[in-house]
Amino acid sequence: MEIEVKDNSAQHRFETTIEGQTAFIDYKLRPGVMTVLHTEVPKVLEGRGIAGTITKYVLDYIATNNLQLVPICPYMRSYLKNHPEYHYLVKKEDIKTI
């Protein structure tokens, strides 16, 4: 399944809509830093890898835009534990959270 992720900057979230349901990652952006606050996938869409796809998109976005990451979201922290290739994005003082 192809998932199109968009940055909805007006609502401060990356999102995708599938079957009329929206999955998203909320963020806060300040100069040079993106804080990932929350990941949400509707129950009817769970188990399809949607959260992982959006998370990878967000991490690649952070890398491409030379931002640092503050991972508040538990899902994001869990993802990072399994994907150490993205650890370099985490703001130095926040690396202990993963």
PDB file of N, CA and C in Angstrom:
ATOM      1  N   MET A   1       0.842  -1.181   0.000  1.00  0.00           N
ATOM      2  CA  MET A   1       0.000   0.000   0.000  1.00  0.00           C
ATOM      3  C   MET A   1       0.889   1.247   0.000  1.00  0.00           C
ATOM      4  N   GLU A   2       0.640   2.135  -0.923  1.00  0.00           N
ATOM      5  CA  GLU A   2       1.362   3.394  -1.029  1.00  0.00           C
ATOM      6  C   GLU A   2       0.727   4.411  -0.083  1.00  0.00           C
ATOM      7  N   ILE A   3       1.544   5.019   0.765  1.00  0.00           N
ATOM      8  CA  ILE A   3       1.052   5.996   1.732  1.00  0.00           C
ATOM      9  C   ILE A   3       1.649   7.350   1.401  1.00  0.00           C
ATOM     10  N   GLU A   4       0.791   8.335   1.194  1.00  0.00           N
ATOM     11  CA  GLU A   4       1.243   9.695   0.927  1.00  0.00           C
ATOM     12  C   GLU A   4       1.158  10.493   2.220  1.00  0.00           C
ATOM     13  N   VAL A   5       2.301  10.989   2.672  1.00  0.00           N
ATOM     14  CA  VAL A   5       2.370  11.775   3.904  1.00  0.00           C
ATOM     15  C   VAL A   5       2.549  13.237   3.521  1.00  0.00           C
ATOM     16  N   LYS A   6       1.787  14.105   4.179  1.00  0.00           N
ATOM     17  CA  LYS A   6       1.872  15.544   3.919  1.00  0.00           C
ATOM     18  C   LYS A   6       2.141  16.276   5.221  1.00  0.00           C
ATOM     19  N   ASP A   7       2.840  17.389   5.114  1.00  0.00           N
ATOM     20  CA  ASP A   7       3.048  18.275   6.252  1.00  0.00           C
ATOM     21  C   ASP A   7       1.887  19.260   6.301  1.00  0.00           C
ATOM     22  N   ASN A   8       1.042  19.118   7.299  1.00  0.00           N
ATOM     23  CA  ASN A   8      -0.052  20.057   7.516  1.00  0.00           C
ATOM     24  C   ASN A   8       0.470  21.084   8.522  1.00  0.00           C
ATOM     25  N   SER A   9       1.223  22.049   8.021  1.00  0.00           N
ATOM     26  CA  SER A   9       1.882  23.007   8.909  1.00  0.00           C
ATOM     27  C   SER A   9       0.889  23.868   9.682  1.00  0.00           C
ATOM     28  N   ALA A  10      -0.302  24.078   9.142  1.00  0.00           N
ATOM     29  CA  ALA A  10      -1.316  24.870   9.860  1.00  0.00           C
ATOM     30  C   ALA A  10      -1.728  24.186  11.169  1.00  0.00           C
ATOM     31  N   GLN A  11      -1.745  22.841  11.163  1.00  0.00           N
ATOM     32  CA  GLN A  11      -2.111  22.096  12.374  1.00  0.00           C
ATOM     33  C   GLN A  11      -0.896  21.489  13.066  1.00  0.00           C
ATOM     34  N   HIS A  12       0.300  21.786  12.564  1.00  0.00           N
ATOM     35  CA  HIS A  12       1.556  21.300  13.154  1.00  0.00           C
ATOM     36  C   HIS A  12       1.571  19.778  13.236  1.00  0.00           C
ATOM     37  N   ARG A  13       1.319  19.150  12.086  1.00  0.00           N
ATOM     38  CA  ARG A  13       1.357  17.689  12.057  1.00  0.00           C
ATOM     39  C   ARG A  13       1.627  17.172  10.657  1.00  0.00           C
ATOM     40  N   PHE A  14       2.249  16.005  10.615  1.00  0.00           N
ATOM     41  CA  PHE A  14       2.394  15.249   9.379  1.00  0.00           C
ATOM     42  C   PHE A  14       1.235  14.263   9.374  1.00  0.00           C
ATOM     43  N   GLU A  15       0.598  14.089   8.217  1.00  0.00           N
ATOM     44  CA  GLU A  15      -0.602  13.263   8.209  1.00  0.00           C
ATOM     45  C   GLU A  15      -0.770  12.515   6.902  1.00  0.00           C
ATOM     46  N   THR A  16      -1.570  11.465   6.990  1.00  0.00           N
ATOM     47  CA  THR A  16      -1.999  10.717   5.817  1.00  0.00           C
ATOM     48  C   THR A  16      -3.452  10.323   6.049  1.00  0.00           C
ATOM     49  N   THR A  17      -4.214  10.305   4.982  1.00  0.00           N
ATOM     50  CA  THR A  17      -5.616   9.894   5.080  1.00  0.00           C
ATOM     51  C   THR A  17      -5.804   8.633   4.244  1.00  0.00           C
ATOM     52  N   ILE A  18      -6.322   7.606   4.894  1.00  0.00           N
ATOM     53  CA  ILE A  18      -6.558   6.310   4.267  1.00  0.00           C
ATOM     54  C   ILE A  18      -7.973   5.883   4.626  1.00  0.00           C
ATOM     55  N   GLU A  19      -8.731   5.521   3.597  1.00  0.00           N
ATOM     56  CA  GLU A  19     -10.109   5.069   3.806  1.00  0.00           C
ATOM     57  C   GLU A  19     -10.905   6.064   4.649  1.00  0.00           C
ATOM     58  N   GLY A  20     -10.672   7.348   4.419  1.00  0.00           N
ATOM     59  CA  GLY A  20     -11.401   8.394   5.122  1.00  0.00           C
ATOM     60  C   GLY A  20     -10.937   8.642   6.556  1.00  0.00           C
ATOM     61  N   GLN A  21      -9.917   7.933   6.993  1.00  0.00           N
ATOM     62  CA  GLN A  21      -9.380   8.076   8.355  1.00  0.00           C
ATOM     63  C   GLN A  21      -8.001   8.741   8.279  1.00  0.00           C
ATOM     64  N   THR A  22      -7.719   9.616   9.235  1.00  0.00           N
ATOM     65  CA  THR A  22      -6.444  10.333   9.231  1.00  0.00           C
ATOM     66  C   THR A  22      -5.544   9.853  10.361  1.00  0.00           C
ATOM     67  N   ALA A  23      -4.338   9.482   9.986  1.00  0.00           N
ATOM     68  CA  ALA A  23      -3.279   9.139  10.946  1.00  0.00           C
ATOM     69  C   ALA A  23      -2.289  10.297  10.918  1.00  0.00           C
ATOM     70  N   PHE A  24      -1.673  10.590  12.067  1.00  0.00           N
ATOM     71  CA  PHE A  24      -0.824  11.777  12.101  1.00  0.00           C
ATOM     72  C   PHE A  24       0.243  11.715  13.192  1.00  0.00           C
ATOM     73  N   ILE A  25       1.211  12.596  13.044  1.00  0.00           N
ATOM     74  CA  ILE A  25       2.231  12.855  14.057  1.00  0.00           C
ATOM     75  C   ILE A  25       2.219  14.354  14.319  1.00  0.00           C
ATOM     76  N   ASP A  26       1.938  14.728  15.568  1.00  0.00           N
ATOM     77  CA  ASP A  26       1.961  16.132  15.979  1.00  0.00           C
ATOM     78  C   ASP A  26       3.386  16.560  16.277  1.00  0.00           C
ATOM     79  N   TYR A  27       3.692  17.797  15.948  1.00  0.00           N
ATOM     80  CA  TYR A  27       5.027  18.320  16.226  1.00  0.00           C
ATOM     81  C   TYR A  27       4.976  19.785  16.608  1.00  0.00           C
ATOM     82  N   LYS A  28       6.065  20.235  17.192  1.00  0.00           N
ATOM     83  CA  LYS A  28       6.275  21.649  17.466  1.00  0.00           C
ATOM     84  C   LYS A  28       7.597  22.000  16.802  1.00  0.00           C
ATOM     85  N   LEU A  29       7.617  23.092  16.064  1.00  0.00           N
ATOM     86  CA  LEU A  29       8.811  23.493  15.334  1.00  0.00           C
ATOM     87  C   LEU A  29       9.299  24.827  15.851  1.00  0.00           C
ATOM     88  N   ARG A  30      10.575  24.866  16.178  1.00  0.00           N
ATOM     89  CA  ARG A  30      11.231  26.131  16.500  1.00  0.00           C
ATOM     90  C   ARG A  30      12.531  26.142  15.702  1.00  0.00           C
ATOM     91  N   PRO A  31      13.213  27.263  15.605  1.00  0.00           N
ATOM     92  CA  PRO A  31      14.400  27.321  14.746  1.00  0.00           C
ATOM     93  C   PRO A  31      15.394  26.184  15.023  1.00  0.00           C
ATOM     94  N   GLY A  32      15.588  25.347  14.009  1.00  0.00           N
ATOM     95  CA  GLY A  32      16.572  24.278  14.073  1.00  0.00           C
ATOM     96  C   GLY A  32      16.166  23.032  14.824  1.00  0.00           C
ATOM     97  N   VAL A  33      14.963  23.017  15.407  1.00  0.00           N
ATOM     98  CA  VAL A  33      14.549  21.884  16.254  1.00  0.00           C
ATOM     99  C   VAL A  33      13.086  21.521  15.997  1.00  0.00           C
ATOM    100  N   MET A  34      12.846  20.212  15.813  1.00  0.00           N
ATOM    101  CA  MET A  34      11.470  19.716  15.751  1.00  0.00           C
ATOM    102  C   MET A  34      11.240  18.803  16.949  1.00  0.00           C
ATOM    103  N   THR A  35      10.216  19.120  17.719  1.00  0.00           N
ATOM    104  CA  THR A  35       9.809  18.282  18.845  1.00  0.00           C
ATOM    105  C   THR A  35       8.617  17.456  18.390  1.00  0.00           C
ATOM    106  N   VAL A  36       8.769  16.124  18.437  1.00  0.00           N
ATOM    107  CA  VAL A  36       7.679  15.230  18.051  1.00  0.00           C
ATOM    108  C   VAL A  36       6.898  14.901  19.314  1.00  0.00           C
ATOM    109  N   LEU A  37       5.618  15.268  19.308  1.00  0.00           N
ATOM    110  CA  LEU A  37       4.786  15.203  20.503  1.00  0.00           C
ATOM    111  C   LEU A  37       3.929  13.945  20.616  1.00  0.00           C
ATOM    112  N   HIS A  38       3.345  13.508  19.497  1.00  0.00           N
ATOM    113  CA  HIS A  38       2.328  12.458  19.584  1.00  0.00           C
ATOM    114  C   HIS A  38       2.132  11.806  18.221  1.00  0.00           C
ATOM    115  N   THR A  39       1.945  10.493  18.229  1.00  0.00           N
ATOM    116  CA  THR A  39       1.597   9.750  17.023  1.00  0.00           C
ATOM    117  C   THR A  39       0.239   9.106  17.249  1.00  0.00           C
ATOM    118  N   GLU A  40      -0.627   9.213  16.249  1.00  0.00           N
ATOM    119  CA  GLU A  40      -1.954   8.610  16.392  1.00  0.00           C
ATOM    120  C   GLU A  40      -2.390   7.961  15.077  1.00  0.00           C
ATOM    121  N   VAL A  41      -2.831   6.707  15.199  1.00  0.00           N
ATOM    122  CA  VAL A  41      -3.397   5.969  14.067  1.00  0.00           C
ATOM    123  C   VAL A  41      -4.768   5.458  14.519  1.00  0.00           C
ATOM    124  N   PRO A  42      -5.830   5.759  13.759  1.00  0.00           N
ATOM    125  CA  PRO A  42      -7.148   5.257  14.127  1.00  0.00           C
ATOM    126  C   PRO A  42      -7.148   3.724  14.238  1.00  0.00           C
ATOM    127  N   LYS A  43      -7.919   3.216  15.181  1.00  0.00           N
ATOM    128  CA  LYS A  43      -7.980   1.764  15.433  1.00  0.00           C
ATOM    129  C   LYS A  43      -8.221   0.956  14.165  1.00  0.00           C
ATOM    130  N   VAL A  44      -9.093   1.435  13.288  1.00  0.00           N
ATOM    131  CA  VAL A  44      -9.414   0.673  12.080  1.00  0.00           C
ATOM    132  C   VAL A  44      -8.235   0.568  11.113  1.00  0.00           C
ATOM    133  N   LEU A  45      -7.203   1.388  11.313  1.00  0.00           N
ATOM    134  CA  LEU A  45      -6.025   1.361  10.440  1.00  0.00           C
ATOM    135  C   LEU A  45      -4.811   0.706  11.098  1.00  0.00           C
ATOM    136  N   GLU A  46      -4.927   0.331  12.349  1.00  0.00           N
ATOM    137  CA  GLU A  46      -3.794  -0.251  13.060  1.00  0.00           C
ATOM    138  C   GLU A  46      -3.332  -1.554  12.421  1.00  0.00           C
ATOM    139  N   GLY A  47      -2.046  -1.844  12.603  1.00  0.00           N
ATOM    140  CA  GLY A  47      -1.484  -3.100  12.117  1.00  0.00           C
ATOM    141  C   GLY A  47      -1.066  -3.091  10.659  1.00  0.00           C
ATOM    142  N   ARG A  48      -1.058  -1.952  10.034  1.00  0.00           N
ATOM    143  CA  ARG A  48      -0.691  -1.854   8.616  1.00  0.00           C
ATOM    144  C   ARG A  48       0.659  -1.173   8.395  1.00  0.00           C
ATOM    145  N   GLY A  49       1.354  -0.834   9.469  1.00  0.00           N
ATOM    146  CA  GLY A  49       2.651  -0.170   9.348  1.00  0.00           C
ATOM    147  C   GLY A  49       2.565   1.314   9.059  1.00  0.00           C
ATOM    148  N   ILE A  50       1.400   1.889   9.268  1.00  0.00           N
ATOM    149  CA  ILE A  50       1.197   3.302   8.943  1.00  0.00           C
ATOM    150  C   ILE A  50       2.009   4.201   9.871  1.00  0.00           C
ATOM    151  N   ALA A  51       2.005   3.936  11.150  1.00  0.00           N
ATOM    152  CA  ALA A  51       2.770   4.761  12.098  1.00  0.00           C
ATOM    153  C   ALA A  51       4.249   4.730  11.754  1.00  0.00           C
ATOM    154  N   GLY A  52       4.761   3.557  11.412  1.00  0.00           N
ATOM    155  CA  GLY A  52       6.163   3.435  11.033  1.00  0.00           C
ATOM    156  C   GLY A  52       6.489   4.201   9.767  1.00  0.00           C
ATOM    157  N   THR A  53       5.591   4.162   8.807  1.00  0.00           N
ATOM    158  CA  THR A  53       5.803   4.884   7.551  1.00  0.00           C
ATOM    159  C   THR A  53       5.824   6.389   7.785  1.00  0.00           C
ATOM    160  N   ILE A  54       4.881   6.886   8.569  1.00  0.00           N
ATOM    161  CA  ILE A  54       4.860   8.325   8.858  1.00  0.00           C
ATOM    162  C   ILE A  54       6.103   8.716   9.658  1.00  0.00           C
ATOM    163  N   THR A  55       6.483   7.894  10.612  1.00  0.00           N
ATOM    164  CA  THR A  55       7.649   8.179  11.441  1.00  0.00           C
ATOM    165  C   THR A  55       8.911   8.268  10.594  1.00  0.00           C
ATOM    166  N   LYS A  56       9.100   7.320   9.692  1.00  0.00           N
ATOM    167  CA  LYS A  56      10.268   7.354   8.803  1.00  0.00           C
ATOM    168  C   LYS A  56      10.247   8.615   7.947  1.00  0.00           C
ATOM    169  N   TYR A  57       9.082   8.989   7.457  1.00  0.00           N
ATOM    170  CA  TYR A  57       8.947  10.204   6.662  1.00  0.00           C
ATOM    171  C   TYR A  57       9.391  11.423   7.472  1.00  0.00           C
ATOM    172  N   VAL A  58       8.917  11.497   8.714  1.00  0.00           N
ATOM    173  CA  VAL A  58       9.260  12.628   9.585  1.00  0.00           C
ATOM    174  C   VAL A  58      10.767  12.659   9.850  1.00  0.00           C
ATOM    175  N   LEU A  59      11.358  11.519  10.145  1.00  0.00           N
ATOM    176  CA  LEU A  59      12.800  11.467  10.408  1.00  0.00           C
ATOM    177  C   LEU A  59      13.598  11.877   9.178  1.00  0.00           C
ATOM    178  N   ASP A  60      13.170  11.436   8.008  1.00  0.00           N
ATOM    179  CA  ASP A  60      13.844  11.838   6.774  1.00  0.00           C
ATOM    180  C   ASP A  60      13.669  13.339   6.519  1.00  0.00           C
ATOM    181  N   TYR A  61      12.502  13.866   6.847  1.00  0.00           N
ATOM    182  CA  TYR A  61      12.243  15.305   6.724  1.00  0.00           C
ATOM    183  C   TYR A  61      13.192  16.087   7.643  1.00  0.00           C
ATOM    184  N   ILE A  62      13.322  15.622   8.877  1.00  0.00           N
ATOM    185  CA  ILE A  62      14.213  16.272   9.842  1.00  0.00           C
ATOM    186  C   ILE A  62      15.647  16.260   9.317  1.00  0.00           C
ATOM    187  N   ALA A  63      16.079  15.124   8.789  1.00  0.00           N
ATOM    188  CA  ALA A  63      17.437  15.007   8.254  1.00  0.00           C
ATOM    189  C   ALA A  63      17.640  15.940   7.057  1.00  0.00           C
ATOM    190  N   THR A  64      16.711  15.933   6.129  1.00  0.00           N
ATOM    191  CA  THR A  64      16.806  16.746   4.916  1.00  0.00           C
ATOM    192  C   THR A  64      16.851  18.234   5.236  1.00  0.00           C
ATOM    193  N   ASN A  65      16.151  18.623   6.285  1.00  0.00           N
ATOM    194  CA  ASN A  65      16.067  20.035   6.647  1.00  0.00           C
ATOM    195  C   ASN A  65      17.067  20.437   7.735  1.00  0.00           C
ATOM    196  N   ASN A  66      18.013  19.549   8.015  1.00  0.00           N
ATOM    197  CA  ASN A  66      19.071  19.825   8.989  1.00  0.00           C
ATOM    198  C   ASN A  66      18.530  20.296  10.335  1.00  0.00           C
ATOM    199  N   LEU A  67      17.500  19.600  10.801  1.00  0.00           N
ATOM    200  CA  LEU A  67      16.912  19.909  12.102  1.00  0.00           C
ATOM    201  C   LEU A  67      17.425  18.921  13.141  1.00  0.00           C
ATOM    202  N   GLN A  68      17.271  19.274  14.394  1.00  0.00           N
ATOM    203  CA  GLN A  68      17.518  18.343  15.476  1.00  0.00           C
ATOM    204  C   GLN A  68      16.160  17.878  15.983  1.00  0.00           C
ATOM    205  N   LEU A  69      16.146  16.675  16.558  1.00  0.00           N
ATOM    206  CA  LEU A  69      14.910  16.049  17.018  1.00  0.00           C
ATOM    207  C   LEU A  69      14.856  15.984  18.538  1.00  0.00           C
ATOM    208  N   VAL A  70      13.700  16.356  19.075  1.00  0.00           N
ATOM    209  CA  VAL A  70      13.396  16.113  20.482  1.00  0.00           C
ATOM    210  C   VAL A  70      12.213  15.136  20.482  1.00  0.00           C
ATOM    211  N   PRO A  71      12.465  13.868  20.810  1.00  0.00           N
ATOM    212  CA  PRO A  71      11.404  12.846  20.730  1.00  0.00           C
ATOM    213  C   PRO A  71      10.617  12.702  22.042  1.00  0.00           C
ATOM    214  N   ILE A  72       9.541  13.451  22.174  1.00  0.00           N
ATOM    215  CA  ILE A  72       8.665  13.352  23.347  1.00  0.00           C
ATOM    216  C   ILE A  72       7.732  12.141  23.201  1.00  0.00           C
ATOM    217  N   CYS A  73       7.259  11.903  21.993  1.00  0.00           N
ATOM    218  CA  CYS A  73       6.294  10.844  21.682  1.00  0.00           C
ATOM    219  C   CYS A  73       6.859   9.455  22.004  1.00  0.00           C
ATOM    220  N   PRO A  74       6.127   8.650  22.774  1.00  0.00           N
ATOM    221  CA  PRO A  74       6.586   7.296  23.087  1.00  0.00           C
ATOM    222  C   PRO A  74       6.784   6.423  21.842  1.00  0.00           C
ATOM    223  N   TYR A  75       5.926   6.570  20.851  1.00  0.00           N
ATOM    224  CA  TYR A  75       6.095   5.770  19.632  1.00  0.00           C
ATOM    225  C   TYR A  75       7.402   6.147  18.934  1.00  0.00           C
ATOM    226  N   MET A  76       7.668   7.432  18.833  1.00  0.00           N
ATOM    227  CA  MET A  76       8.908   7.887  18.194  1.00  0.00           C
ATOM    228  C   MET A  76      10.132   7.352  18.943  1.00  0.00           C
ATOM    229  N   ARG A  77      10.102   7.396  20.276  1.00  0.00           N
ATOM    230  CA  ARG A  77      11.226   6.879  21.062  1.00  0.00           C
ATOM    231  C   ARG A  77      11.402   5.378  20.826  1.00  0.00           C
ATOM    232  N   SER A  78      10.298   4.653  20.757  1.00  0.00           N
ATOM    233  CA  SER A  78      10.357   3.217  20.500  1.00  0.00           C
ATOM    234  C   SER A  78      10.927   2.940  19.104  1.00  0.00           C
ATOM    235  N   TYR A  79      10.494   3.693  18.129  1.00  0.00           N
ATOM    236  CA  TYR A  79      10.993   3.542  16.761  1.00  0.00           C
ATOM    237  C   TYR A  79      12.505   3.771  16.725  1.00  0.00           C
ATOM    238  N   LEU A  80      12.949   4.802  17.411  1.00  0.00           N
ATOM    239  CA  LEU A  80      14.372   5.129  17.434  1.00  0.00           C
ATOM    240  C   LEU A  80      15.205   4.025  18.083  1.00  0.00           C
ATOM    241  N   LYS A  81      14.648   3.354  19.081  1.00  0.00           N
ATOM    242  CA  LYS A  81      15.368   2.244  19.710  1.00  0.00           C
ATOM    243  C   LYS A  81      15.678   1.156  18.697  1.00  0.00           C
ATOM    244  N   ASN A  82      14.772   0.951  17.754  1.00  0.00           N
ATOM    245  CA  ASN A  82      14.937  -0.084  16.737  1.00  0.00           C
ATOM    246  C   ASN A  82      15.630   0.400  15.471  1.00  0.00           C
ATOM    247  N   HIS A  83      15.889   1.699  15.386  1.00  0.00           N
ATOM    248  CA  HIS A  83      16.505   2.284  14.189  1.00  0.00           C
ATOM    249  C   HIS A  83      17.625   3.243  14.593  1.00  0.00           C
ATOM    250  N   PRO A  84      18.732   2.690  15.065  1.00  0.00           N
ATOM    251  CA  PRO A  84      19.829   3.546  15.533  1.00  0.00           C
ATOM    252  C   PRO A  84      20.441   4.426  14.442  1.00  0.00           C
ATOM    253  N   GLU A  85      20.149   4.133  13.187  1.00  0.00           N
ATOM    254  CA  GLU A  85      20.673   4.968  12.106  1.00  0.00           C
ATOM    255  C   GLU A  85      20.144   6.403  12.172  1.00  0.00           C
ATOM    256  N   TYR A  86      19.083   6.626  12.959  1.00  0.00           N
ATOM    257  CA  TYR A  86      18.527   7.972  13.111  1.00  0.00           C
ATOM    258  C   TYR A  86      18.957   8.654  14.407  1.00  0.00           C
ATOM    259  N   HIS A  87      19.738   7.996  15.230  1.00  0.00           N
ATOM    260  CA  HIS A  87      20.137   8.580  16.519  1.00  0.00           C
ATOM    261  C   HIS A  87      20.874   9.903  16.358  1.00  0.00           C
ATOM    262  N   TYR A  88      21.579  10.065  15.253  1.00  0.00           N
ATOM    263  CA  TYR A  88      22.335  11.307  15.054  1.00  0.00           C
ATOM    264  C   TYR A  88      21.434  12.542  14.972  1.00  0.00           C
ATOM    265  N   LEU A  89      20.147  12.332  14.717  1.00  0.00           N
ATOM    266  CA  LEU A  89      19.211  13.449  14.629  1.00  0.00           C
ATOM    267  C   LEU A  89      18.765  13.962  16.000  1.00  0.00           C
ATOM    268  N   VAL A  90      18.868  13.100  17.008  1.00  0.00           N
ATOM    269  CA  VAL A  90      18.345  13.446  18.339  1.00  0.00           C
ATOM    270  C   VAL A  90      19.238  14.493  18.983  1.00  0.00           C
ATOM    271  N   LYS A  91      18.607  15.533  19.477  1.00  0.00           N
ATOM    272  CA  LYS A  91      19.326  16.595  20.174  1.00  0.00           C
ATOM    273  C   LYS A  91      20.137  15.966  21.299  1.00  0.00           C
ATOM    274  N   LYS A  92      21.382  16.325  21.412  1.00  0.00           N
ATOM    275  CA  LYS A  92      22.339  15.674  22.299  1.00  0.00           C
ATOM    276  C   LYS A  92      21.799  15.445  23.717  1.00  0.00           C
ATOM    277  N   GLU A  93      21.197  16.449  24.312  1.00  0.00           N
ATOM    278  CA  GLU A  93      20.704  16.295  25.687  1.00  0.00           C
ATOM    279  C   GLU A  93      19.475  15.400  25.781  1.00  0.00           C
ATOM    280  N   ASP A  94      18.861  15.061  24.643  1.00  0.00           N
ATOM    281  CA  ASP A  94      17.676  14.203  24.657  1.00  0.00           C
ATOM    282  C   ASP A  94      17.961  12.762  24.267  1.00  0.00           C
ATOM    283  N   ILE A  95      19.196  12.441  23.942  1.00  0.00           N
ATOM    284  CA  ILE A  95      19.534  11.086  23.506  1.00  0.00           C
ATOM    285  C   ILE A  95      19.222  10.071  24.599  1.00  0.00           C
ATOM    286  N   LYS A  96      19.265  10.473  25.855  1.00  0.00           N
ATOM    287  CA  LYS A  96      18.979   9.547  26.958  1.00  0.00           C
ATOM    288  C   LYS A  96      17.515   9.102  26.992  1.00  0.00           C
ATOM    289  N   THR A  97      16.644   9.786  26.255  1.00  0.00           N
ATOM    290  CA  THR A  97      15.229   9.421  26.258  1.00  0.00           C
ATOM    291  C   THR A  97      14.929   8.224  25.368  1.00  0.00           C
ATOM    292  N   ILE A  98      15.902   7.794  24.570  1.00  0.00           N
ATOM    293  CA  ILE A  98      15.631   6.655  23.683  1.00  0.00           C
ATOM    294  C   ILE A  98      16.371   5.406  24.115  1.00  0.00           C
TER     295      ILE A  98
END
